[in-house]
C-alpha atoms as a PDB file:
ATOM      1  CA  MET A   1      22.256  37.889 -65.606  1.00  0.00           C
ATOM      2  CA  GLY A   2      20.915  36.113 -61.974  1.00  0.00           C
ATOM      3  CA  GLY A   3      22.588  32.797 -63.539  1.00  0.00           C
ATOM      4  CA  PHE A   4      25.749  33.621 -64.610  1.00  0.00           C
ATOM      5  CA  LEU A   5      25.876  35.668 -61.102  1.00  0.00           C
ATOM      6  CA  ASP A   6      24.867  32.521 -58.832  1.00  0.00           C
ATOM      7  CA  ARG A   7      27.536  30.663 -60.866  1.00  0.00           C
ATOM      8  CA  TYR A   8      30.239  33.085 -60.090  1.00  0.00           C
ATOM      9  CA  ILE A   9      29.043  33.268 -56.214  1.00  0.00           C
ATOM     10  CA  ARG A  10      28.729  29.417 -55.928  1.00  0.00           C
ATOM     11  CA  ARG A  11      32.938  29.550 -57.507  1.00  0.00           C
ATOM     12  CA  LYS A  12      34.188  31.708 -55.380  1.00  0.00           C
ATOM     13  CA  ALA A  13      32.840  30.149 -52.168  1.00  0.00           C
ATOM     14  CA  ILE A  14      34.472  26.554 -53.140  1.00  0.00           C
ATOM     15  CA  ALA A  15      37.559  28.322 -53.769  1.00  0.00           C
ATOM     16  CA  GLN A  16      37.580  30.164 -50.448  1.00  0.00           C
ATOM     17  CA  TRP A  17      36.981  26.706 -48.640  1.00  0.00           C
ATOM     18  CA  ARG A  18      39.098  25.242 -50.743  1.00  0.00           C
ATOM     19  CA  LEU A  19      41.850  28.107 -49.216  1.00  0.00           C
ATOM     20  CA  ALA A  20      40.749  27.618 -45.826  1.00  0.00           C
ATOM     21  CA  GLU A  21      40.822  23.566 -45.906  1.00  0.00           C
ATOM     22  CA  GLN A  22      44.972  24.536 -47.345  1.00  0.00           C
ATOM     23  CA  GLN A  23      45.536  27.042 -44.438  1.00  0.00           C
ATOM     24  CA  ALA A  24      43.929  24.979 -41.293  1.00  0.00           C
ATOM     25  CA  ASP A  25      47.357  23.914 -40.332  1.00  0.00           C
ATOM     26  CA  GLN A  26      48.413  27.316 -39.952  1.00  0.00           C
ATOM     27  CA  MET A  27      45.649  28.870 -38.804  1.00  0.00           C
ATOM     28  CA  ALA A  28      44.941  30.373 -35.019  1.00  0.00           C
ATOM     29  CA  LEU A  29      42.748  28.312 -33.011  1.00  0.00           C
ATOM     30  CA  PRO A  30      39.346  30.939 -32.640  1.00  0.00           C
ATOM     31  CA  LYS A  31      39.566  31.336 -36.459  1.00  0.00           C
ATOM     32  CA  LEU A  32      40.057  27.592 -36.709  1.00  0.00           C
ATOM     33  CA  ARG A  33      37.381  26.846 -34.492  1.00  0.00           C
ATOM     34  CA  ARG A  34      34.811  29.380 -36.071  1.00  0.00           C
ATOM     35  CA  GLN A  35      35.582  28.412 -39.614  1.00  0.00           C
ATOM     36  CA  ARG A  36      35.121  24.396 -38.561  1.00  0.00           C
ATOM     37  CA  ASP A  37      31.537  25.788 -37.142  1.00  0.00           C
ATOM     38  CA  GLU A  38      30.355  27.545 -40.445  1.00  0.00           C
ATOM     39  CA  ALA A  39      31.378  24.430 -42.267  1.00  0.00           C
ATOM     40  CA  ARG A  40      29.431  22.199 -40.364  1.00  0.00           C
ATOM     41  CA  ASN A  41      26.514  24.528 -40.795  1.00  0.00           C
ATOM     42  CA  LEU A  42      27.222  24.476 -44.517  1.00  0.00           C
ATOM     43  CA  ARG A  43      27.587  20.763 -44.671  1.00  0.00           C
ATOM     44  CA  ALA A  44      24.181  20.376 -42.778  1.00  0.00           C
ATOM     45  CA  GLN A  45      22.757  22.575 -45.537  1.00  0.00           C
ATOM     46  CA  LEU A  46      24.066  21.129 -48.452  1.00  0.00           C
ATOM     47  CA  GLU A  47      23.329  17.711 -47.188  1.00  0.00           C
ATOM     48  CA  ARG A  48      19.338  18.370 -46.962  1.00  0.00           C
ATOM     49  CA  VAL A  49      19.568  20.132 -50.712  1.00  0.00           C
ATOM     50  CA  ILE A  50      21.723  16.821 -51.793  1.00  0.00           C
ATOM     51  CA  GLN A  51      18.490  14.547 -50.559  1.00  0.00           C
ATOM     52  CA  THR A  52      15.439  16.452 -51.711  1.00  0.00           C
ATOM     53  CA  ALA A  53      17.501  16.605 -55.206  1.00  0.00           C
ATOM     54  CA  ASP A  54      17.923  12.863 -55.116  1.00  0.00           C
ATOM     55  CA  SER A  55      14.106  12.228 -53.818  1.00  0.00           C
ATOM     56  CA  HIS A  56      13.119  14.286 -56.986  1.00  0.00           C
ATOM     57  CA  LEU A  57      15.798  13.062 -59.774  1.00  0.00           C
ATOM     58  CA  ILE A  58      16.020   9.269 -58.684  1.00  0.00           C
ATOM     59  CA  GLN A  59      13.762   7.347 -60.644  1.00  0.00           C
ATOM     60  CA  PRO A  60      10.818   6.182 -60.553  1.00  0.00           C
ATOM     61  CA  ARG A  61       9.290   8.678 -58.399  1.00  0.00           C
ATOM     62  CA  LEU A  62       8.971   8.187 -55.209  1.00  0.00           C
ATOM     63  CA  GLY A  63       4.586   7.580 -54.990  1.00  0.00           C
ATOM     64  CA  SER A  64       4.683   6.614 -58.349  1.00  0.00           C
ATOM     65  CA  ASN A  65       1.402   4.988 -59.230  1.00  0.00           C
ATOM     66  CA  GLN A  66       2.629   4.344 -63.250  1.00  0.00           C
ATOM     67  CA  PHE A  67       2.195   0.618 -64.571  1.00  0.00           C
ATOM     68  CA  PRO A  68      -0.019  -0.974 -67.138  1.00  0.00           C
ATOM     69  CA  ARG A  69      -3.403  -1.691 -66.963  1.00  0.00           C
ATOM     70  CA  PRO A  70      -5.845  -4.303 -69.384  1.00  0.00           C
ATOM     71  CA  LEU A  71      -8.473  -2.561 -71.085  1.00  0.00           C
ATOM     72  CA  GLY A  72     -11.085  -2.301 -69.178  1.00  0.00           C
ATOM     73  CA  THR A  73      -9.589  -1.364 -66.164  1.00  0.00           C
ATOM     74  CA  ASP A  74     -12.253  -0.256 -63.415  1.00  0.00           C
ATOM     75  CA  TRP A  75      -9.923  -0.650 -60.108  1.00  0.00           C
ATOM     76  CA  SER A  76      -6.040  -0.712 -60.043  1.00  0.00           C
ATOM     77  CA  TRP A  77      -3.532  -0.480 -56.907  1.00  0.00           C
ATOM     78  CA  ARG A  78       0.347  -0.897 -55.967  1.00  0.00           C
ATOM     79  CA  PRO A  79       0.309  -1.058 -52.045  1.00  0.00           C
ATOM     80  CA  ASP A  80       1.765   1.511 -50.014  1.00  0.00           C
ATOM     81  CA  LEU A  81       4.977  -0.892 -49.219  1.00  0.00           C
ATOM     82  CA  TRP A  82       6.243  -0.613 -53.092  1.00  0.00           C
ATOM     83  CA  ARG A  83       5.554   3.020 -53.593  1.00  0.00           C
ATOM     84  CA  THR A  84       5.974   5.164 -50.553  1.00  0.00           C
ATOM     85  CA  PRO A  85       9.428   5.008 -47.952  1.00  0.00           C
ATOM     86  CA  ALA A  86       7.874   2.727 -45.219  1.00  0.00           C
ATOM     87  CA  LEU A  87       8.431   3.856 -41.053  1.00  0.00           C
ATOM     88  CA  ARG A  88       9.613   0.426 -40.455  1.00  0.00           C
ATOM     89  CA  LYS A  89      12.608  -0.212 -43.301  1.00  0.00           C
ATOM     90  CA  GLY A  90      12.564  -3.868 -42.179  1.00  0.00           C
ATOM     91  CA  LEU A  91      12.959  -6.683 -39.726  1.00  0.00           C
ATOM     92  CA  ALA A  92      14.897  -9.305 -38.861  1.00  0.00           C
ATOM     93  CA  SER A  93      14.106 -12.583 -36.678  1.00  0.00           C
ATOM     94  CA  ALA A  94      10.655 -12.145 -37.837  1.00  0.00           C
ATOM     95  CA  SER A  95       7.923 -13.407 -35.198  1.00  0.00           C
ATOM     96  CA  ARG A  96       5.271 -16.235 -36.890  1.00  0.00           C
ATOM     97  CA  LYS A  97       3.131 -13.243 -37.514  1.00  0.00           C
ATOM     98  CA  ALA A  98       5.577 -10.149 -38.533  1.00  0.00           C
ATOM     99  CA  GLY A  99       4.087  -7.158 -40.271  1.00  0.00           C
ATOM    100  CA  ILE A 100       6.096  -4.495 -42.051  1.00  0.00           C
ATOM    101  CA  ASP A 101       3.018  -2.382 -42.077  1.00  0.00           C
ATOM    102  CA  GLN A 102      -0.816  -1.874 -42.118  1.00  0.00           C
ATOM    103  CA  GLN A 103      -1.086  -3.862 -45.755  1.00  0.00           C
ATOM    104  CA  VAL A 104       1.759  -6.365 -45.772  1.00  0.00           C
ATOM    105  CA  THR A 105       2.000  -9.124 -43.180  1.00  0.00           C
ATOM    106  CA  LEU A 106       4.398 -12.326 -43.234  1.00  0.00           C
ATOM    107  CA  PHE A 107       3.468 -15.721 -42.069  1.00  0.00           C
ATOM    108  CA  HIS A 108       5.348 -18.813 -41.070  1.00  0.00           C
ATOM    109  CA  ASP A 109       5.724 -21.543 -38.736  1.00  0.00           C
ATOM    110  CA  CYS A 110       9.564 -21.827 -38.735  1.00  0.00           C
ATOM    111  CA  PRO A 111      11.023 -22.291 -34.876  1.00  0.00           C
ATOM    112  CA  LEU A 112      14.383 -20.861 -36.072  1.00  0.00           C
ATOM    113  CA  ALA A 113      13.086 -17.642 -37.060  1.00  0.00           C
ATOM    114  CA  GLU A 114      15.966 -17.136 -39.526  1.00  0.00           C
ATOM    115  CA  ILE A 115      14.081 -14.672 -41.985  1.00  0.00           C
ATOM    116  CA  GLY A 116      14.689 -10.984 -42.589  1.00  0.00           C
ATOM    117  CA  MET A 117      12.538  -8.355 -44.374  1.00  0.00           C
ATOM    118  CA  GLN A 118      13.838  -4.989 -45.776  1.00  0.00           C
ATOM    119  CA  GLN A 119      11.815  -2.116 -48.230  1.00  0.00           C
ATOM    120  CA  THR A 120      14.961  -1.513 -50.630  1.00  0.00           C
ATOM    121  CA  ARG A 121      15.149   1.309 -53.185  1.00  0.00           C
ATOM    122  CA  ASN A 122      14.933   0.255 -56.676  1.00  0.00           C
ATOM    123  CA  ARG A 123      16.977   2.384 -58.982  1.00  0.00           C
ATOM    124  CA  ARG A 124      17.138   0.314 -62.357  1.00  0.00           C
ATOM    125  CA  GLU A 125      15.911   2.068 -65.281  1.00  0.00           C
ATOM    126  CA  LYS A 126      13.164  -0.807 -66.134  1.00  0.00           C
ATOM    127  CA  ASP A 127      11.987  -0.565 -62.291  1.00  0.00           C
ATOM    128  CA  LEU A 128       8.099   1.138 -62.504  1.00  0.00           C
ATOM    129  CA  ALA A 129       7.882   1.118 -58.749  1.00  0.00           C
ATOM    130  CA  PRO A 130      10.047   3.145 -56.552  1.00  0.00           C
ATOM    131  CA  PHE A 131      10.361   0.544 -53.802  1.00  0.00           C
ATOM    132  CA  GLY A 132      11.086  -3.467 -53.315  1.00  0.00           C
ATOM    133  CA  LEU A 133      10.820  -6.081 -50.505  1.00  0.00           C
ATOM    134  CA  ALA A 134      13.304  -7.892 -50.087  1.00  0.00           C
ATOM    135  CA  ILE A 135      13.267 -11.339 -48.269  1.00  0.00           C
ATOM    136  CA  GLU A 136      16.236 -13.159 -46.578  1.00  0.00           C
ATOM    137  CA  VAL A 137      15.909 -16.962 -45.681  1.00  0.00           C
ATOM    138  CA  PHE A 138      18.598 -19.028 -43.669  1.00  0.00           C
ATOM    139  CA  GLY A 139      17.631 -22.435 -42.296  1.00  0.00           C
ATOM    140  CA  PHE A 140      14.054 -23.343 -42.143  1.00  0.00           C
ATOM    141  CA  GLN A 141      12.413 -26.173 -40.742  1.00  0.00           C
ATOM    142  CA  GLY A 142       8.569 -24.672 -40.596  1.00  0.00           C
ATOM    143  CA  THR A 143       5.869 -26.106 -43.138  1.00  0.00           C
ATOM    144  CA  PHE A 144       4.601 -22.934 -44.705  1.00  0.00           C
ATOM    145  CA  LEU A 145       6.123 -19.352 -45.492  1.00  0.00           C
ATOM    146  CA  SER A 146       3.852 -16.340 -47.232  1.00  0.00           C
ATOM    147  CA  LEU A 147       3.238 -13.087 -47.719  1.00  0.00           C
ATOM    148  CA  SER A 148      -0.107 -11.659 -47.172  1.00  0.00           C
ATOM    149  CA  ILE A 149      -1.131  -8.210 -48.508  1.00  0.00           C
ATOM    150  CA  GLU A 150      -4.539  -6.980 -47.636  1.00  0.00           C
ATOM    151  CA  LEU A 151      -6.529  -4.794 -50.604  1.00  0.00           C
ATOM    152  CA  PRO A 152      -8.054  -1.204 -49.628  1.00  0.00           C
ATOM    153  CA  MET A 153     -11.638  -1.492 -49.107  1.00  0.00           C
ATOM    154  CA  ASP A 154     -12.807   0.207 -52.675  1.00  0.00           C
ATOM    155  CA  ALA A 155     -11.166  -3.497 -54.070  1.00  0.00           C
ATOM    156  CA  ALA A 156     -14.692  -4.920 -53.277  1.00  0.00           C
ATOM    157  CA  SER A 157     -16.688  -2.153 -54.075  1.00  0.00           C
ATOM    158  CA  ASP A 158     -18.739  -3.083 -57.163  1.00  0.00           C
ATOM    159  CA  LEU A 159     -17.123  -6.401 -57.575  1.00  0.00           C
ATOM    160  CA  THR A 160     -19.002  -8.796 -59.261  1.00  0.00           C
ATOM    161  CA  ARG A 161     -18.236 -12.688 -61.151  1.00  0.00           C
ATOM    162  CA  GLN A 162     -18.184 -10.787 -64.205  1.00  0.00           C
ATOM    163  CA  HIS A 163     -14.816  -9.416 -63.055  1.00  0.00           C
ATOM    164  CA  LEU A 164     -11.138 -10.960 -63.765  1.00  0.00           C
ATOM    165  CA  MET A 165      -8.481  -9.599 -61.300  1.00  0.00           C
ATOM    166  CA  ARG A 166      -5.326  -9.286 -62.448  1.00  0.00           C
ATOM    167  CA  VAL A 167      -1.799  -9.399 -60.117  1.00  0.00           C
ATOM    168  CA  ASP A 168       1.335  -8.313 -61.878  1.00  0.00           C
ATOM    169  CA  THR A 169       4.813  -9.031 -60.019  1.00  0.00           C
ATOM    170  CA  VAL A 170       8.582  -8.530 -60.443  1.00  0.00           C
ATOM    171  CA  ILE A 171      10.337 -11.531 -58.601  1.00  0.00           C
ATOM    172  CA  GLU A 172      13.743 -12.226 -58.344  1.00  0.00           C
ATOM    173  CA  SER A 173      15.288 -15.258 -56.313  1.00  0.00           C
ATOM    174  CA  GLU A 174      18.714 -16.227 -55.793  1.00  0.00           C
ATOM    175  CA  ARG A 175      18.050 -19.662 -56.157  1.00  0.00           C
ATOM    176  CA  PRO A 176      15.251 -21.398 -58.107  1.00  0.00           C
ATOM    177  CA  THR A 177      11.872 -21.494 -56.469  1.00  0.00           C
ATOM    178  CA  THR A 178       8.027 -21.759 -56.845  1.00  0.00           C
ATOM    179  CA  MET A 179       5.917 -19.286 -55.384  1.00  0.00           C
ATOM    180  CA  TYR A 180       1.808 -19.390 -55.330  1.00  0.00           C
ATOM    181  CA  SER A 181      -0.719 -16.777 -54.989  1.00  0.00           C
ATOM    182  CA  ARG A 182      -3.995 -17.141 -53.683  1.00  0.00           C
ATOM    183  CA  LEU A 183      -6.674 -14.748 -53.500  1.00  0.00           C
ATOM    184  CA  ASN A 184      -9.319 -14.354 -50.488  1.00  0.00           C
ATOM    185  CA  ILE A 185     -12.388 -13.172 -51.089  1.00  0.00           C
ATOM    186  CA  GLN A 186     -14.416 -12.808 -47.603  1.00  0.00           C
ATOM    187  CA  HIS A 187     -18.348 -12.519 -48.350  1.00  0.00           C
ATOM    188  CA  GLY A 188     -20.292 -13.014 -44.696  1.00  0.00           C
ATOM    189  CA  PRO A 189     -19.220 -15.775 -43.021  1.00  0.00           C
ATOM    190  CA  ASN A 190     -17.592 -17.198 -45.936  1.00  0.00           C
ATOM    191  CA  THR A 191     -14.315 -17.385 -47.662  1.00  0.00           C
ATOM    192  CA  GLU A 192     -13.492 -17.787 -51.441  1.00  0.00           C
ATOM    193  CA  GLN A 193     -10.244 -18.856 -52.437  1.00  0.00           C
ATOM    194  CA  VAL A 194      -8.492 -19.203 -55.906  1.00  0.00           C
ATOM    195  CA  LEU A 195      -4.889 -20.485 -56.006  1.00  0.00           C
ATOM    196  CA  ARG A 196      -2.710 -20.088 -59.371  1.00  0.00           C
ATOM    197  CA  GLU A 197       1.017 -20.620 -59.282  1.00  0.00           C
ATOM    198  CA  LEU A 198       2.998 -17.464 -60.454  1.00  0.00           C
ATOM    199  CA  ASN A 199       5.683 -18.361 -63.429  1.00  0.00           C
ATOM    200  CA  LEU A 200       9.376 -17.873 -62.268  1.00  0.00           C
ATOM    201  CA  SER A 201      11.212 -18.485 -65.132  1.00  0.00           C
ATOM    202  CA  MET A 202      11.162 -14.800 -65.781  1.00  0.00           C
ATOM    203  CA  SER A 203      11.479 -12.043 -63.096  1.00  0.00           C
ATOM    204  CA  GLU A 204       7.997 -10.493 -64.547  1.00  0.00           C
ATOM    205  CA  SER A 205       4.763 -12.700 -64.048  1.00  0.00           C
ATOM    206  CA  SER A 206       1.057 -12.006 -64.624  1.00  0.00           C
ATOM    207  CA  VAL A 207      -2.116 -14.181 -63.083  1.00  0.00           C
ATOM    208  CA  ASP A 208      -5.772 -13.720 -63.998  1.00  0.00           C
ATOM    209  CA  PHE A 209      -8.147 -14.996 -61.240  1.00  0.00           C
ATOM    210  CA  ASP A 210     -11.180 -15.599 -62.744  1.00  0.00           C
ATOM    211  CA  LEU A 211     -14.341 -14.874 -60.417  1.00  0.00           C
ATOM    212  CA  ALA A 212     -17.071 -16.805 -62.419  1.00  0.00           C
ATOM    213  CA  HIS A 213     -17.134 -20.054 -60.769  1.00  0.00           C
ATOM    214  CA  LEU A 214     -17.223 -18.971 -57.587  1.00  0.00           C
ATOM    215  CA  GLU A 215     -20.143 -18.939 -55.277  1.00  0.00           C
ATOM    216  CA  LEU A 216     -19.514 -14.994 -54.279  1.00  0.00           C
ATOM    217  CA  HIS A 217     -22.786 -13.292 -52.155  1.00  0.00           C
ATOM    218  CA  GLU A 218     -21.497 -10.319 -54.766  1.00  0.00           C
ATOM    219  CA  ARG A 219     -23.689  -7.485 -52.218  1.00  0.00           C
ATOM    220  CA  ARG A 220     -22.058  -9.046 -49.011  1.00  0.00           C
ATOM    221  CA  ILE A 221     -18.248  -9.188 -50.277  1.00  0.00           C
ATOM    222  CA  GLU A 222     -16.442  -7.749 -47.304  1.00  0.00           C
ATOM    223  CA  LYS A 223     -12.324  -8.094 -47.443  1.00  0.00           C
ATOM    224  CA  LEU A 224      -9.925  -9.243 -49.943  1.00  0.00           C
ATOM    225  CA  TRP A 225      -6.679 -10.431 -49.614  1.00  0.00           C
ATOM    226  CA  LEU A 226      -3.634 -12.067 -51.348  1.00  0.00           C
ATOM    227  CA  ASP A 227      -0.977 -14.894 -50.327  1.00  0.00           C
ATOM    228  CA  LEU A 228       2.152 -14.946 -52.098  1.00  0.00           C
ATOM    229  CA  ILE A 229       2.790 -18.818 -50.842  1.00  0.00           C
ATOM    230  CA  ILE A 230       7.132 -19.515 -51.285  1.00  0.00           C
ATOM    231  CA  ASP A 231       7.653 -23.268 -51.552  1.00  0.00           C
ATOM    232  CA  ASP A 232      11.110 -24.462 -49.672  1.00  0.00           C
ATOM    233  CA  PRO A 233      12.269 -21.311 -48.832  1.00  0.00           C
ATOM    234  CA  ALA A 234      15.419 -22.312 -46.997  1.00  0.00           C
ATOM    235  CA  MET A 235      18.436 -20.571 -48.137  1.00  0.00           C
ATOM    236  CA  ASN A 236      17.211 -18.440 -49.988  1.00  0.00           C
ATOM    237  CA  SER A 237      17.120 -14.642 -51.012  1.00  0.00           C
ATOM    238  CA  ILE A 238      13.979 -13.493 -52.777  1.00  0.00           C
ATOM    239  CA  ALA A 239      13.109  -9.669 -54.033  1.00  0.00           C
ATOM    240  CA  LEU A 240       9.823  -8.493 -55.050  1.00  0.00           C
ATOM    241  CA  ARG A 241      10.336  -5.499 -57.109  1.00  0.00           C
ATOM    242  CA  ASP A 242       6.831  -4.711 -57.978  1.00  0.00           C
ATOM    243  CA  LEU A 243       3.537  -6.119 -56.866  1.00  0.00           C
ATOM    244  CA  THR A 244       0.442  -4.107 -58.789  1.00  0.00           C
ATOM    245  CA  PHE A 245      -3.549  -5.335 -58.992  1.00  0.00           C
ATOM    246  CA  CYS A 246      -5.997  -4.531 -61.689  1.00  0.00           C
ATOM    247  CA  ARG A 247      -9.593  -5.146 -61.997  1.00  0.00           C
ATOM    248  CA  HIS A 248     -11.538  -5.485 -65.188  1.00  0.00           C
ATOM    249  CA  HIS A 249     -14.596  -7.356 -66.752  1.00  0.00           C
ATOM    250  CA  ARG A 250     -14.031 -10.249 -68.840  1.00  0.00           C
ATOM    251  CA  ALA A 251     -14.607  -9.922 -72.503  1.00  0.00           C
ATOM    252  CA  ASP A 252     -18.476 -10.594 -73.649  1.00  0.00           C
ATOM    253  CA  LEU A 253     -18.699 -13.657 -75.642  1.00  0.00           C
END
């Protein structure tokens, strides 16, 4: 009977507040003031219930780390900016080095700085990442604009030249553009780089970075980061709806 009684009590409460609304014009001021205070307290509690329910019901779930991984994957990662709410939701007039969190930094050399970034909530059924990143560019007179993503330390653990590093993206732009992804691997005093162009003819794109030809000192790998380089970014809006990394061994021949 608990569920039935709960629903009955809620219906009665709604009816009482509807009646209070209808009688507000004729109500004595002390009673009206008391009802207003009660309604405010109730509203605050209802808003907290709605906010909590939305965080659990809206898909994809906050913190989700679900995405396809190649067979044999031994490390995978989705950056925090695409998983959890950022403390800094966005910024306008981005400086030449502008970090939105500890992992993601925007670099450019445009003197106008008419560039904005904002974390957005993904709500489409096909979205796997809870959040995305929107980049708005207006006038641009610089020579480069790139987004740098620093990989966690465990990405370098046991990394060898027998590995392939895969980057999967979901990117949409207001007008056609060209984007490159560059994987940087620091080992000792040296840094190896691998450059790949992203195929943006479709929103979902994947690139594999083959480490076989790099002159890596495997035991001295210290740091990895990815640069997403946007070509001719002026007067464009770019949405990075998802960004994931996978590391897997090359197939034996």
